[in-house]
Amino acid sequence: MRTWTLAAAPIAALLLSGCIARAAADVVTLPVKAGSQVVDWSTTSQEEADRNRGREMRKQEERDARAARKQAKADRQRCRDAGYDDC
């Protein structure tokens, strides 16, 4: 039993050292990963910019259409108020 424990100790040390090395590598790369994530959150990709621009263009077109309908209605009312039959 004692011989088996002595033989397993170096193998266990090798296995655990890999685990410790991996943990150390994770700790070292964590600030870089966190920094790149912050940059990703704080910047706008081209796809997001295109999507936002398209959304804004659609909203502007809706506002323009609403204003045109309102203006046409006001023009028809002015025509009727002036006494014209074919407005």
C-alpha atoms as a PDB file:
ATOM      1  CA  MET A   1       0.000   0.000   0.000  1.00  0.00           C
ATOM      2  CA  ARG A   2       2.802   2.382   0.902  1.00  0.00           C
ATOM      3  CA  THR A   3       4.583   1.711  -2.396  1.00  0.00           C
ATOM      4  CA  TRP A   4       1.468   2.513  -4.385  1.00  0.00           C
ATOM      5  CA  THR A   5       1.054   5.867  -2.555  1.00  0.00           C
ATOM      6  CA  LEU A   6       4.654   6.828  -3.243  1.00  0.00           C
ATOM      7  CA  ALA A   7       4.272   5.968  -6.945  1.00  0.00           C
ATOM      8  CA  ALA A   8       1.016   7.913  -7.276  1.00  0.00           C
ATOM      9  CA  ALA A   9       2.364  11.092  -5.679  1.00  0.00           C
ATOM     10  CA  PRO A  10       4.456  12.245  -8.705  1.00  0.00           C
ATOM     11  CA  ILE A  11       1.593  11.491 -11.094  1.00  0.00           C
ATOM     12  CA  ALA A  12      -0.821  13.462  -8.934  1.00  0.00           C
ATOM     13  CA  ALA A  13       1.648  16.344  -8.782  1.00  0.00           C
ATOM     14  CA  LEU A  14       1.884  16.429 -12.581  1.00  0.00           C
ATOM     15  CA  LEU A  15      -1.874  16.393 -12.984  1.00  0.00           C
ATOM     16  CA  LEU A  16      -2.434  19.111 -10.400  1.00  0.00           C
ATOM     17  CA  SER A  17       0.319  21.320 -11.814  1.00  0.00           C
ATOM     18  CA  GLY A  18      -1.537  21.402 -15.126  1.00  0.00           C
ATOM     19  CA  CYS A  19      -4.668  22.472 -13.321  1.00  0.00           C
ATOM     20  CA  ILE A  20      -2.796  25.196 -11.473  1.00  0.00           C
ATOM     21  CA  ALA A  21      -1.106  26.362 -14.679  1.00  0.00           C
ATOM     22  CA  ARG A  22      -4.471  26.574 -16.428  1.00  0.00           C
ATOM     23  CA  ALA A  23      -5.942  28.566 -13.549  1.00  0.00           C
ATOM     24  CA  ALA A  24      -2.957  30.917 -13.638  1.00  0.00           C
ATOM     25  CA  ALA A  25      -3.399  31.394 -17.387  1.00  0.00           C
ATOM     26  CA  ASP A  26      -7.070  32.176 -16.868  1.00  0.00           C
ATOM     27  CA  VAL A  27      -6.215  34.770 -14.230  1.00  0.00           C
ATOM     28  CA  VAL A  28      -3.649  36.398 -16.525  1.00  0.00           C
ATOM     29  CA  THR A  29      -5.953  36.562 -19.556  1.00  0.00           C
ATOM     30  CA  LEU A  30      -9.021  37.720 -17.613  1.00  0.00           C
ATOM     31  CA  PRO A  31      -8.238  41.478 -17.773  1.00  0.00           C
ATOM     32  CA  VAL A  32      -7.686  41.263 -21.534  1.00  0.00           C
ATOM     33  CA  LYS A  33     -10.967  39.446 -22.063  1.00  0.00           C
ATOM     34  CA  ALA A  34     -12.824  41.881 -19.820  1.00  0.00           C
ATOM     35  CA  GLY A  35     -11.287  44.870 -21.599  1.00  0.00           C
ATOM     36  CA  SER A  36     -12.242  43.566 -25.027  1.00  0.00           C
ATOM     37  CA  GLN A  37     -15.797  42.940 -23.809  1.00  0.00           C
ATOM     38  CA  VAL A  38     -16.071  46.534 -22.567  1.00  0.00           C
ATOM     39  CA  VAL A  39     -14.828  47.817 -25.926  1.00  0.00           C
ATOM     40  CA  ASP A  40     -17.370  45.603 -27.697  1.00  0.00           C
ATOM     41  CA  TRP A  41     -20.192  46.942 -25.521  1.00  0.00           C
ATOM     42  CA  SER A  42     -19.139  50.578 -25.948  1.00  0.00           C
ATOM     43  CA  THR A  43     -18.729  50.585 -29.724  1.00  0.00           C
ATOM     44  CA  THR A  44     -21.313  50.171 -32.444  1.00  0.00           C
ATOM     45  CA  SER A  45     -20.712  47.636 -35.181  1.00  0.00           C
ATOM     46  CA  GLN A  46     -21.432  48.467 -38.809  1.00  0.00           C
ATOM     47  CA  GLU A  47     -24.395  46.091 -38.763  1.00  0.00           C
ATOM     48  CA  GLU A  48     -25.883  47.847 -35.725  1.00  0.00           C
ATOM     49  CA  ALA A  49     -25.290  51.250 -37.310  1.00  0.00           C
ATOM     50  CA  ASP A  50     -27.016  50.147 -40.531  1.00  0.00           C
ATOM     51  CA  ARG A  51     -29.949  48.703 -38.602  1.00  0.00           C
ATOM     52  CA  ASN A  52     -30.340  51.866 -36.523  1.00  0.00           C
ATOM     53  CA  ARG A  53     -30.104  54.079 -39.619  1.00  0.00           C
ATOM     54  CA  GLY A  54     -32.746  52.008 -41.404  1.00  0.00           C
ATOM     55  CA  ARG A  55     -35.043  52.254 -38.395  1.00  0.00           C
ATOM     56  CA  GLU A  56     -34.586  56.027 -38.249  1.00  0.00           C
ATOM     57  CA  MET A  57     -35.285  56.339 -41.993  1.00  0.00           C
ATOM     58  CA  ARG A  58     -38.539  54.353 -41.639  1.00  0.00           C
ATOM     59  CA  LYS A  59     -39.646  56.538 -38.732  1.00  0.00           C
ATOM     60  CA  GLN A  60     -38.869  59.684 -40.748  1.00  0.00           C
ATOM     61  CA  GLU A  61     -40.861  58.340 -43.718  1.00  0.00           C
ATOM     62  CA  GLU A  62     -43.813  57.667 -41.400  1.00  0.00           C
ATOM     63  CA  ARG A  63     -43.610  61.215 -40.025  1.00  0.00           C
ATOM     64  CA  ASP A  64     -43.449  62.630 -43.570  1.00  0.00           C
ATOM     65  CA  ALA A  65     -46.447  60.563 -44.692  1.00  0.00           C
ATOM     66  CA  ARG A  66     -48.454  61.697 -41.657  1.00  0.00           C
ATOM     67  CA  ALA A  67     -47.582  65.325 -42.347  1.00  0.00           C
ATOM     68  CA  ALA A  68     -48.510  64.947 -46.046  1.00  0.00           C
ATOM     69  CA  ARG A  69     -51.906  63.442 -45.156  1.00  0.00           C
ATOM     70  CA  LYS A  70     -52.544  66.229 -42.664  1.00  0.00           C
ATOM     71  CA  GLN A  71     -51.586  68.864 -45.233  1.00  0.00           C
ATOM     72  CA  ALA A  72     -53.816  67.292 -47.922  1.00  0.00           C
ATOM     73  CA  LYS A  73     -56.734  67.239 -45.512  1.00  0.00           C
ATOM     74  CA  ALA A  74     -56.169  70.895 -44.637  1.00  0.00           C
ATOM     75  CA  ASP A  75     -55.953  71.798 -48.350  1.00  0.00           C
ATOM     76  CA  ARG A  76     -59.254  70.023 -49.111  1.00  0.00           C
ATOM     77  CA  GLN A  77     -60.899  71.822 -46.176  1.00  0.00           C
ATOM     78  CA  ARG A  78     -59.617  75.221 -47.409  1.00  0.00           C
ATOM     79  CA  CYS A  79     -60.925  74.416 -50.881  1.00  0.00           C
ATOM     80  CA  ARG A  80     -64.373  73.546 -49.499  1.00  0.00           C
ATOM     81  CA  ASP A  81     -64.384  76.661 -47.293  1.00  0.00           C
ATOM     82  CA  ALA A  82     -63.642  78.783 -50.351  1.00  0.00           C
ATOM     83  CA  GLY A  83     -66.791  77.435 -51.974  1.00  0.00           C
ATOM     84  CA  TYR A  84     -65.321  75.209 -54.665  1.00  0.00           C
ATOM     85  CA  ASP A  85     -67.241  72.044 -55.467  1.00  0.00           C
ATOM     86  CA  ASP A  86     -64.469  69.980 -57.110  1.00  0.00           C
ATOM     87  CA  CYS A  87     -61.746  69.941 -54.473  1.00  0.00           C
END
